[in-house]
Structures are given as C-alpha cells and as structure tokens.
C-alpha cells in the first residue's frame, strides 16, 4: 500500500524509475480508478532539486484547467518522501517510437500520416495551453507526452520555467533538457556563445523563450516522420551539443510526399528562434487545416467507394443470378442432349437385343422343328398305316408320287369319303 494524506492506494506494479523517483501503478478504491503514484526519495537531495519538485507541483496546479495536461489528484511531502497521485495513461510517444523500431534501432515500420497528424495536433494543443499560462516546458521529448485514451497530454514540469507577465523569455543560469531535443539557444550563453559544459567559462546566462519549445516539437515531429532525430548520426554527446549550437550546422531533410509537412519541419527547425512559427501559426498551418478538409474528402471518397462497391456487388449478384439461370437452362438443354444421346445409344442396344433374340430363336429352331416333326410323325403314323393298307395294291413307283399332303388329306376322310 502507498499512503498519501491518510488515503491508501493499492500498489499494483512498478511502471518506471528515474533518478531518485519511482512511479507505480495503483488503485484508488474510493474513486474506483487506476492512478499513477510518483514517489520521490528526498534523502540527500539538495535544496535546488527540492525546488524543482515543488516547481513541478506548482505548475501542475496552475494547469489543471487544461485537458491537455496530466491531472494531479493529490500530493504529500512527508519527511524525506514526496508522493504525487497522478492520472495514469496507457503509454507515451516514446513507446510508440520504440514499437516501430528493431532491436538495433533501425526502423522496421512507419507511422501512418494520419497518426502523425493526430499526435502533432495534440502536442501543439498541449504546448499552447502551457504557453498561455506563461510557462516554457524546456524539456519537450516523446517520453513527456502521455497518451490517455485518444488524447495527448503533457507531463514532467520539473525544469519548466515561468515567464513574467511583461516578458517573452526567461534567463537561466544552467542548461537542462534532453540532448537530442534541446534548442540551439538553450546551449548558448548570451555573452560567450556556444557552450559545451554546463559551467565552462564561469556562470552561464542562457536566454530562452517559447520558441525553444517549438524547436523541441520540431525534433519530435522529425522523429515521428523519419524514425530518428535530426542529429542522430553524431554519437559523441559533446560533439552533438556543439553541432546543435552552431548556426553553420545543416539539418538533412530527406524527401517526403507531403510538402506541407516538410514546410512545418523546416520552419520549426530554423536556427534563429525569431524565424520559427508560433504555436498558433502551426495550428493554422495547411498541414493541419487541410487535414480536416482532406479528412472530409477522405470520408466522402470512402462513401463513394462504398457506394461503388455496393453497385459492383449488386451487378455481380445480378450477373451471378443471370448466370445461374443461363446455367440452369444450359444444363437442361445439356440434359436433353444427353438423354437423346443415350436414347440413340440405346437403339443399337435394343436392335442388338432383338438380333440376339432372333439368333437365340434361330439356334433353337432345329430342335423345335425336330420336335414338331416327331410329334407330327407320331400323329400321322396310324393314319399313314391305314392309308398304306388301303393302297397296298399300288406299286412302289405309284406310292412315290403321293405327297405327304395328299396322305394328310386322305387320312382325314372317313369310310364314306367325307372329310372328318
């Protein structure tokens, strides 16, 4: 459990750590929400560092009206421990960038143009909110833009500076920020020029304004577009700082399809802060304003495309149904042809059967004829004997002249000479 002002938060897991602080994911049972609790160990921390933490709390309290700044629910400093109960997000831009890179740092995939526009618009709205309050963040980087559902929110105001009401910039006696996203003016002493070490040449006088945040935003956008920062090729930290702080250094801008996006990149990364656009100008830039128009055109295009697809599907369905009818008709015709063909094939078979029947009958004919002869012989033998007895007086030559037919006729007459 983590206790803040007597209220207990159920600790789930460690989200991250940095320096003397740790951030935990915890449950607020009273409010029924998941929160992030930042616990800072103040033991051995000097007064300047304590002041930074107090500065962060003060700035967060000033910015609670904005939906583009992380919510501070509660905080407590007790002994050598400072606890802040904050809104929990579901990731940050740094995690987005790391997810599209391989283990060796090479880009394995790209972020879609629409997603880049969405993040860029959210970042501008967040920075616009703090600039309206006269606050320069001074450490804008992907890890400090929290993703809460669909919104992009700013966090970590430890080294942020407040501008006095009648001023447009602040003067700092030390440099701070993340090297890859630091502006040239944050690395230059207003009297001696570029600096390499924070205390080289004595006390520093660094003057920065809101345009310093614009440079950092340009570096983040550059990273989202290309997958690396403008000075990524310089590995030595001191050489990198020197290159950023020199006006003669040229930034490479590989060709991209979106010319408005290219214009935004080049304008944000101008060496002279006065030549960089304001947040308001960036929000009104065609890169974003035409996005809305383009989004509407995209939606209209999708609707037209969907309509065309539906028409195509309807045509395909009609064609399919027509094809089915034609196929059915064709199948019926084919069936008729097949039936006729089978009928024609059966005709020779039928003829063959008749022929076989005739052959069988012809093969059986001699036996039948012999049987009939035997029957006839058995029937006529008595009559023939009678006739032969009657014509016994005739000579053999005369008998040969009498046919079987004559004998059959003769045996069918009675003694009176009449047919029986």
Protein backbone atom coordinates (compact mmCIF):
# COMPACT_ATOMS: atom_id res chain seq x y z
CA UNK A 1 0.00 0.00 0.00
CA UNK A 2 1.01 3.60 -0.61
CA UNK A 3 -0.45 6.20 1.71
CA UNK A 4 -0.95 9.82 0.68
CA UNK A 5 -2.60 12.18 3.19
CA UNK A 6 -4.07 9.21 5.05
CA UNK A 7 -5.60 7.68 1.93
CA UNK A 8 -4.38 4.25 0.88
CA UNK A 9 -3.65 3.25 -2.70
CA UNK A 10 -3.25 -0.40 -3.58
CA UNK A 11 0.09 -0.78 -5.37
CA UNK A 12 -0.01 -3.00 -8.46
CA UNK A 13 3.33 -2.74 -10.23
CA UNK A 14 6.33 -0.53 -10.92
CA UNK A 15 5.84 1.48 -14.12
CA UNK A 16 9.26 3.10 -14.22
CA UNK A 17 12.05 4.78 -12.32
CA UNK A 18 14.41 7.68 -12.84
CA UNK A 19 16.95 9.24 -10.52
CA UNK A 20 15.52 9.30 -7.02
CA UNK A 21 11.90 8.71 -8.08
CA UNK A 22 9.75 5.70 -8.85
CA UNK A 23 6.32 5.56 -10.49
CA UNK A 24 3.81 2.87 -9.52
CA UNK A 25 0.50 1.79 -10.98
CA UNK A 26 -2.05 1.73 -8.15
CA UNK A 27 -5.77 1.50 -7.49
CA UNK A 28 -7.83 4.24 -5.87
CA UNK A 29 -10.68 2.17 -4.39
CA UNK A 30 -12.64 5.20 -3.21
CA UNK A 31 -12.78 6.76 -6.68
CA UNK A 32 -12.70 3.38 -8.43
CA UNK A 33 -9.91 4.30 -10.81
CA UNK A 34 -6.38 3.33 -11.67
CA UNK A 35 -3.78 6.01 -10.93
CA UNK A 36 -0.04 6.56 -11.17
CA UNK A 37 1.75 7.34 -7.92
CA UNK A 38 5.13 9.04 -8.20
CA UNK A 39 7.26 8.51 -5.09
CA UNK A 40 10.38 10.66 -4.72
CA UNK A 41 13.09 9.86 -2.19
CA UNK A 42 14.31 13.25 -0.91
CA UNK A 43 17.02 11.89 1.35
CA UNK A 44 20.32 13.52 0.45
CA UNK A 45 18.65 15.76 -2.14
CA UNK A 46 19.92 19.34 -2.21
CA UNK A 47 17.71 22.39 -1.92
CA UNK A 48 17.87 23.13 -5.68
CA UNK A 49 16.47 19.71 -6.56
CA UNK A 50 13.76 20.03 -3.91
CA UNK A 51 12.85 23.34 -5.50
CA UNK A 52 12.42 21.63 -8.88
CA UNK A 53 9.93 19.17 -7.44
CA UNK A 54 7.99 21.95 -5.75
CA UNK A 55 8.08 23.88 -9.01
CA UNK A 56 6.54 20.93 -10.83
CA UNK A 57 3.69 20.71 -8.31
CA UNK A 58 3.01 24.43 -8.52
CA UNK A 59 2.91 24.42 -12.33
CA UNK A 60 0.65 21.33 -12.41
CA UNK A 61 -1.77 23.04 -10.06
CA UNK A 62 -1.86 26.08 -12.35
CA UNK A 63 -2.59 23.92 -15.39
CA UNK A 64 -5.35 21.69 -14.01
CA UNK A 65 -7.93 23.58 -16.07
CA UNK A 66 -6.45 22.14 -19.28
CA UNK A 67 -7.48 18.76 -20.64
CA UNK A 68 -4.06 18.58 -22.35
CA UNK A 69 -2.09 18.42 -19.09
CA UNK A 70 -1.88 15.40 -16.83
CA UNK A 71 -4.20 15.52 -13.80
CA UNK A 72 -2.72 15.91 -10.32
CA UNK A 73 -5.20 14.29 -7.94
CA UNK A 74 -3.22 14.75 -4.72
CA UNK A 75 0.29 15.06 -3.29
CA UNK A 76 2.08 14.98 0.04
CA UNK A 77 5.57 15.71 1.32
CA UNK A 78 6.25 13.74 4.46
CA UNK A 79 9.72 13.51 5.92
CA UNK A 80 12.14 12.57 3.14
CA UNK A 81 9.42 11.33 0.78
CA UNK A 82 7.35 13.22 -1.75
CA UNK A 83 4.31 11.46 -3.22
CA UNK A 84 2.22 12.64 -6.17
CA UNK A 85 -1.03 10.92 -7.23
CA UNK A 86 -1.37 11.45 -10.96
CA UNK A 87 -3.56 10.49 -13.87
CA UNK A 88 -2.42 7.26 -15.49
CA UNK A 89 -2.03 6.95 -19.24
CA UNK A 90 -1.71 3.95 -21.49
CA UNK A 91 1.71 4.82 -22.91
CA UNK A 92 3.69 7.71 -24.30
CA UNK A 93 5.15 8.80 -27.61
CA UNK A 94 8.49 7.26 -26.68
CA UNK A 95 6.83 3.83 -26.52
CA UNK A 96 5.18 4.50 -29.88
CA UNK A 97 8.55 5.27 -31.45
CA UNK A 98 10.25 2.26 -29.88
CA UNK A 99 7.49 -0.04 -31.10
CA UNK A 100 8.29 0.78 -34.73
CA UNK A 101 12.00 0.16 -34.38
CA UNK A 102 14.04 -3.01 -34.34
CA UNK A 103 16.45 -4.06 -31.61
CA UNK A 104 19.34 -2.34 -33.37
CA UNK A 105 17.45 0.93 -33.63
CA UNK A 106 16.61 0.57 -37.32
CA UNK A 107 13.11 1.46 -38.41
CA UNK A 108 11.06 -1.68 -39.12
CA UNK A 109 7.79 0.05 -39.99
CA UNK A 110 6.38 3.54 -40.36
CA UNK A 111 3.73 5.52 -38.53
CA UNK A 112 0.78 6.38 -40.75
CA UNK A 113 0.47 10.02 -41.91
CA UNK A 114 -2.90 10.41 -40.22
CA UNK A 115 -1.48 9.15 -36.90
CA UNK A 116 1.42 11.62 -37.13
CA UNK A 117 -1.03 14.45 -37.75
CA UNK A 118 -3.10 13.33 -34.77
CA UNK A 119 -0.09 13.31 -32.43
CA UNK A 120 1.18 16.62 -33.80
CA UNK A 121 -2.15 18.33 -33.28
CA UNK A 122 -2.36 17.00 -29.72
CA UNK A 123 1.19 18.11 -28.91
CA UNK A 124 0.52 21.63 -30.22
CA UNK A 125 -2.67 21.92 -28.15
CA UNK A 126 -0.82 20.80 -25.01
CA UNK A 127 2.06 23.25 -25.51
CA UNK A 128 -0.38 26.02 -26.41
CA UNK A 129 -2.07 25.51 -23.02
CA UNK A 130 1.16 25.96 -21.04
CA UNK A 131 2.31 28.91 -23.16
CA UNK A 132 -0.98 30.64 -22.40
CA UNK A 133 -0.04 30.32 -18.74
CA UNK A 134 3.36 31.82 -19.48
CA UNK A 135 5.19 28.53 -18.97
CA UNK A 136 8.11 27.23 -21.05
CA UNK A 137 8.48 23.49 -20.67
CA UNK A 138 12.18 23.35 -21.68
CA UNK A 139 12.26 19.53 -21.82
CA UNK A 140 9.80 18.51 -24.51
CA UNK A 141 10.53 14.98 -25.72
CA UNK A 142 8.46 11.92 -26.69
CA UNK A 143 8.53 10.47 -23.16
CA UNK A 144 6.88 13.64 -21.79
CA UNK A 145 3.79 13.32 -23.97
CA UNK A 146 1.43 10.88 -22.30
CA UNK A 147 -1.28 9.09 -24.27
CA UNK A 148 -4.53 8.97 -22.29
CA UNK A 149 -7.10 7.15 -24.42
CA UNK A 150 -7.16 9.29 -27.60
CA UNK A 151 -5.69 12.44 -26.04
CA UNK A 152 -2.07 13.62 -25.93
CA UNK A 153 -1.17 15.15 -22.54
CA UNK A 154 1.94 16.85 -21.17
CA UNK A 155 3.80 15.59 -18.09
CA UNK A 156 7.02 16.31 -16.19
CA UNK A 157 7.37 20.02 -15.49
CA UNK A 158 10.42 19.62 -13.29
CA UNK A 159 12.63 22.10 -15.17
CA UNK A 160 9.81 24.17 -16.65
CA UNK A 161 10.14 27.93 -16.23
CA UNK A 162 7.55 30.63 -15.77
CA UNK A 163 7.73 33.82 -17.81
CA UNK A 164 6.93 37.05 -16.01
CA UNK A 165 3.82 38.81 -17.23
CA UNK A 166 5.67 41.54 -19.11
CA UNK A 167 8.39 39.29 -20.55
CA UNK A 168 8.64 36.92 -23.53
CA UNK A 169 11.57 34.81 -22.35
CA UNK A 170 13.41 33.63 -19.24
CA UNK A 171 17.06 33.76 -18.27
CA UNK A 172 18.51 30.60 -16.72
CA UNK A 173 21.86 30.03 -15.07
CA UNK A 174 22.10 26.38 -16.15
CA UNK A 175 21.20 24.25 -19.13
CA UNK A 176 18.72 21.42 -18.85
CA UNK A 177 16.85 19.07 -21.12
CA UNK A 178 17.43 16.04 -23.31
CA UNK A 179 20.31 16.48 -25.78
CA UNK A 180 18.53 15.32 -28.94
CA UNK A 181 15.62 17.73 -28.41
CA UNK A 182 17.41 20.78 -26.95
CA UNK A 183 17.20 24.03 -28.89
CA UNK A 184 20.33 25.90 -30.05
CA UNK A 185 19.62 28.88 -27.76
CA UNK A 186 19.42 26.59 -24.72
CA UNK A 187 23.05 25.66 -25.47
CA UNK A 188 24.37 29.18 -25.93
CA UNK A 189 25.49 31.75 -23.42
CA UNK A 190 24.10 35.16 -24.38
CA UNK A 191 27.56 36.65 -23.82
CA UNK A 192 30.06 33.96 -24.89
CA UNK A 193 28.03 31.95 -27.43
CA UNK A 194 28.02 28.14 -27.67
CA UNK A 195 28.70 26.17 -24.55
CA UNK A 196 29.75 22.57 -24.21
CA UNK A 197 29.77 22.06 -20.46
CA UNK A 198 27.21 23.49 -18.06
CA UNK A 199 29.79 25.54 -16.15
CA UNK A 200 32.54 26.15 -18.69
CA UNK A 201 33.82 29.73 -18.66
CA UNK A 202 32.16 30.60 -15.35
CA UNK A 203 28.49 31.36 -14.68
CA UNK A 204 26.15 30.94 -17.63
CA UNK A 205 23.47 33.27 -18.85
CA UNK A 206 21.04 31.37 -21.09
CA UNK A 207 18.04 33.15 -22.54
CA UNK A 208 15.19 31.07 -23.91
CA UNK A 209 11.63 31.80 -24.99
CA UNK A 210 8.58 29.85 -26.08
CA UNK A 211 10.23 29.28 -29.46
CA UNK A 212 12.63 26.93 -27.68
CA UNK A 213 9.69 24.57 -27.19
CA UNK A 214 8.85 24.94 -30.89
CA UNK A 215 12.34 23.64 -31.78
CA UNK A 216 11.83 20.65 -29.48
CA UNK A 217 8.44 19.97 -31.07
CA UNK A 218 10.09 20.06 -34.48
CA UNK A 219 12.62 17.45 -33.34
CA UNK A 220 9.80 15.18 -32.10
CA UNK A 221 7.90 15.57 -35.37
CA UNK A 222 11.13 14.84 -37.28
CA UNK A 223 11.49 11.64 -35.26
CA UNK A 224 7.89 10.61 -35.97
CA UNK A 225 8.39 11.17 -39.71
CA UNK A 226 11.86 9.73 -40.26
CA UNK A 227 12.29 7.42 -37.29
CA UNK A 228 15.31 9.28 -35.88
CA UNK A 229 16.25 12.74 -34.57
CA UNK A 230 17.98 15.45 -36.66
CA UNK A 231 21.42 14.87 -35.08
CA UNK A 232 21.19 11.12 -34.53
CA UNK A 233 24.30 10.47 -36.63
CA UNK A 234 26.52 12.30 -34.11
CA UNK A 235 27.24 9.77 -31.36
CA UNK A 236 29.56 11.80 -29.14
CA UNK A 237 27.38 13.88 -26.75
CA UNK A 238 29.72 16.88 -26.68
CA UNK A 239 30.01 16.91 -30.47
CA UNK A 240 26.24 16.67 -30.74
CA UNK A 241 25.73 19.64 -28.40
CA UNK A 242 28.29 21.64 -30.34
CA UNK A 243 26.61 20.84 -33.68
CA UNK A 244 23.19 21.88 -32.37
CA UNK A 245 24.51 25.18 -31.02
CA UNK A 246 26.32 26.18 -34.24
CA UNK A 247 24.41 28.15 -36.87
CA UNK A 248 26.56 26.67 -39.63
CA UNK A 249 25.20 23.18 -38.96
CA UNK A 250 22.80 21.99 -41.64
CA UNK A 251 19.98 19.56 -40.95
CA UNK A 252 19.18 16.93 -43.56
CA UNK A 253 15.55 16.72 -44.70
CA UNK A 254 15.02 13.58 -46.85
CA UNK A 255 12.24 13.93 -49.41
CA UNK A 256 8.69 13.15 -48.29
CA UNK A 257 5.44 13.21 -50.20
CA UNK A 258 3.63 15.75 -48.02
CA UNK A 259 5.02 19.20 -48.88
CA UNK A 260 3.08 20.90 -46.08
CA UNK A 261 4.67 18.55 -43.56
CA UNK A 262 8.11 19.33 -44.98
CA UNK A 263 7.42 23.05 -44.61
CA UNK A 264 6.46 22.57 -40.94
CA UNK A 265 9.66 20.62 -40.24
CA UNK A 266 11.92 23.18 -41.86
CA UNK A 267 10.25 26.15 -40.18
CA UNK A 268 10.30 24.60 -36.69
CA UNK A 269 14.00 23.72 -37.00
CA UNK A 270 15.29 27.13 -38.03
CA UNK A 271 18.33 28.16 -36.05
CA UNK A 272 17.06 31.67 -35.29
CA UNK A 273 14.15 31.40 -32.83
CA UNK A 274 12.55 34.56 -34.23
CA UNK A 275 12.14 32.80 -37.59
CA UNK A 276 10.29 29.87 -36.08
CA UNK A 277 6.49 29.89 -36.13
CA UNK A 278 4.34 30.30 -33.04
CA UNK A 279 2.10 27.52 -31.77
CA UNK A 280 -0.93 29.37 -33.12
CA UNK A 281 0.66 29.63 -36.57
CA UNK A 282 1.41 25.90 -36.52
CA UNK A 283 -2.18 25.12 -35.57
CA UNK A 284 -3.34 27.26 -38.54
CA UNK A 285 -0.80 25.74 -40.94
CA UNK A 286 -2.19 23.96 -44.04
CA UNK A 287 -0.61 20.75 -42.76
CA UNK A 288 -3.40 20.63 -40.16
CA UNK A 289 -6.13 22.84 -41.64
CA UNK A 290 -6.19 20.90 -44.89
CA UNK A 291 -6.22 17.71 -42.88
CA UNK A 292 -9.81 18.43 -41.83
CA UNK A 293 -10.75 19.18 -45.41
CA UNK A 294 -8.79 16.19 -46.56
CA UNK A 295 -10.44 14.06 -43.89
CA UNK A 296 -13.86 15.10 -45.15
CA UNK A 297 -12.77 14.38 -48.69
CA UNK A 298 -11.44 11.06 -47.47
CA UNK A 299 -14.79 10.25 -45.84
CA UNK A 300 -16.66 11.33 -48.98
CA UNK A 301 -14.26 9.26 -51.04
CA UNK A 302 -14.88 6.30 -48.76
CA UNK A 303 -18.66 6.76 -49.09
CA UNK A 304 -18.40 6.96 -52.87
CA UNK A 305 -16.09 3.98 -52.88
CA UNK A 306 -18.53 2.09 -50.66
CA UNK A 307 -21.38 3.05 -52.99
CA UNK A 308 -19.39 1.86 -55.99
CA UNK A 309 -18.58 -1.36 -54.20
CA UNK A 310 -22.26 -1.91 -53.40
CA UNK A 311 -23.17 -1.26 -57.02
CA UNK A 312 -20.46 -3.64 -58.12
CA UNK A 313 -21.72 -6.25 -55.67
CA UNK A 314 -25.27 -5.72 -56.91
CA UNK A 315 -24.08 -6.09 -60.52
CA UNK A 316 -22.09 -9.17 -59.59
CA UNK A 317 -25.13 -10.62 -57.82
CA UNK A 318 -27.38 -9.94 -60.82
CA UNK A 319 -24.75 -11.36 -63.13
CA UNK A 320 -24.47 -14.38 -60.87
CA UNK A 321 -28.25 -14.90 -60.81
CA UNK A 322 -28.43 -14.46 -64.58
CA UNK A 323 -25.55 -16.85 -64.92
CA UNK A 324 -27.35 -19.33 -62.70
CA UNK A 325 -30.47 -19.07 -64.88
CA UNK A 326 -28.43 -19.45 -68.03
CA UNK A 327 -26.52 -22.28 -66.46
CA UNK A 328 -29.79 -23.94 -65.43
CA UNK A 329 -31.19 -23.50 -68.94
CA UNK A 330 -27.96 -24.74 -70.41
CA UNK A 331 -27.94 -27.65 -68.02
CA UNK A 332 -31.49 -28.57 -69.06
CA UNK A 333 -30.52 -28.38 -72.73
CA UNK A 334 -27.41 -30.38 -71.99
CA UNK A 335 -29.55 -32.91 -70.13
CA UNK A 336 -31.89 -33.16 -73.11
CA UNK A 337 -28.96 -33.66 -75.45
CA UNK A 338 -27.55 -36.30 -73.13
CA UNK A 339 -30.90 -38.04 -72.95
CA UNK A 340 -31.20 -38.03 -76.74
CA UNK A 341 -27.66 -39.28 -77.00
CA UNK A 342 -28.42 -42.05 -74.53
CA UNK A 343 -31.58 -42.87 -76.46
CA UNK A 344 -29.57 -43.09 -79.65
CA UNK A 345 -27.07 -45.27 -77.85
CA UNK A 346 -29.87 -47.49 -76.55
CA UNK A 347 -31.34 -48.00 -80.05
CA UNK A 348 -28.44 -50.12 -81.31
CA UNK A 349 -28.50 -51.90 -77.99
CA UNK A 350 -32.19 -52.61 -78.49
CA UNK A 351 -31.53 -53.73 -82.04
CA UNK A 352 -28.69 -55.85 -80.78
CA UNK A 353 -31.01 -57.42 -78.21
CA UNK A 354 -33.60 -58.15 -80.91
CA UNK A 355 -30.86 -59.60 -83.07
CA UNK A 356 -29.64 -61.72 -80.20
CA UNK A 357 -33.20 -62.84 -79.58
CA UNK A 358 -33.56 -63.81 -83.22
CA UNK A 359 -30.23 -65.60 -83.08
CA UNK A 360 -31.27 -67.43 -79.96
CA UNK A 361 -34.52 -68.37 -81.64
CA UNK A 362 -32.73 -69.45 -84.76
CA UNK A 363 -30.36 -71.52 -82.66
CA UNK A 364 -33.34 -73.19 -81.01
CA UNK A 365 -35.23 -73.72 -84.38
CA UNK A 366 -33.73 -77.13 -85.41
CA UNK A 367 -34.61 -78.66 -82.06
CA UNK A 368 -38.14 -77.24 -82.25
CA UNK A 369 -38.53 -78.40 -85.84
CA UNK A 370 -37.30 -81.89 -84.93
CA UNK A 371 -39.71 -81.97 -82.01
CA UNK A 372 -42.56 -80.85 -84.26
CA UNK A 373 -41.60 -83.48 -86.83
CA UNK A 374 -41.61 -86.18 -84.17
CA UNK A 375 -44.99 -85.04 -82.97
CA UNK A 376 -46.39 -84.93 -86.49
CA UNK A 377 -44.91 -88.34 -87.24
CA UNK A 378 -46.41 -89.84 -84.12
CA UNK A 379 -49.73 -88.28 -85.06
CA UNK A 380 -49.83 -89.41 -88.65
CA UNK A 381 -48.23 -92.82 -88.36
CA UNK A 382 -51.53 -94.60 -87.51
CA UNK A 383 -53.35 -92.86 -90.32
CA UNK A 384 -50.47 -93.41 -92.67
CA UNK A 385 -50.51 -97.13 -91.86
CA UNK A 386 -54.22 -97.17 -92.54
CA UNK A 387 -53.72 -95.38 -95.81
CA UNK A 388 -50.84 -97.65 -96.75
CA UNK A 389 -53.04 -100.61 -96.01
CA UNK A 390 -55.69 -99.14 -98.25
CA UNK A 391 -53.20 -98.55 -101.05
CA UNK A 392 -51.25 -101.75 -100.60
CA UNK A 393 -52.22 -102.81 -104.07
CA UNK A 394 -50.35 -99.86 -105.55
CA UNK A 395 -46.88 -100.28 -106.84
CA UNK A 396 -43.89 -98.55 -105.14
CA UNK A 397 -43.49 -96.17 -108.06
CA UNK A 398 -47.09 -95.10 -107.71
CA UNK A 399 -46.72 -94.58 -103.97
CA UNK A 400 -43.70 -92.31 -104.51
CA UNK A 401 -45.93 -89.99 -106.48
CA UNK A 402 -48.23 -89.47 -103.48
CA UNK A 403 -47.16 -86.49 -101.34
CA UNK A 404 -47.35 -86.14 -97.60
CA UNK A 405 -50.03 -83.55 -98.08
CA UNK A 406 -52.13 -85.98 -100.04
CA UNK A 407 -51.77 -88.52 -97.31
CA UNK A 408 -52.76 -85.99 -94.62
CA UNK A 409 -55.85 -85.11 -96.59
CA UNK A 410 -56.66 -88.70 -97.27
CA UNK A 411 -56.35 -89.72 -93.59
CA UNK A 412 -58.93 -87.12 -92.68
CA UNK A 413 -61.74 -88.74 -94.71
CA UNK A 414 -63.95 -91.44 -93.37
CA UNK A 415 -65.02 -94.64 -94.99
CA UNK A 416 -67.81 -92.79 -96.78
CA UNK A 417 -65.28 -90.47 -98.46
CA UNK A 418 -66.30 -87.37 -96.44
CA UNK A 419 -63.89 -85.07 -94.56
CA UNK A 420 -63.70 -85.73 -90.84
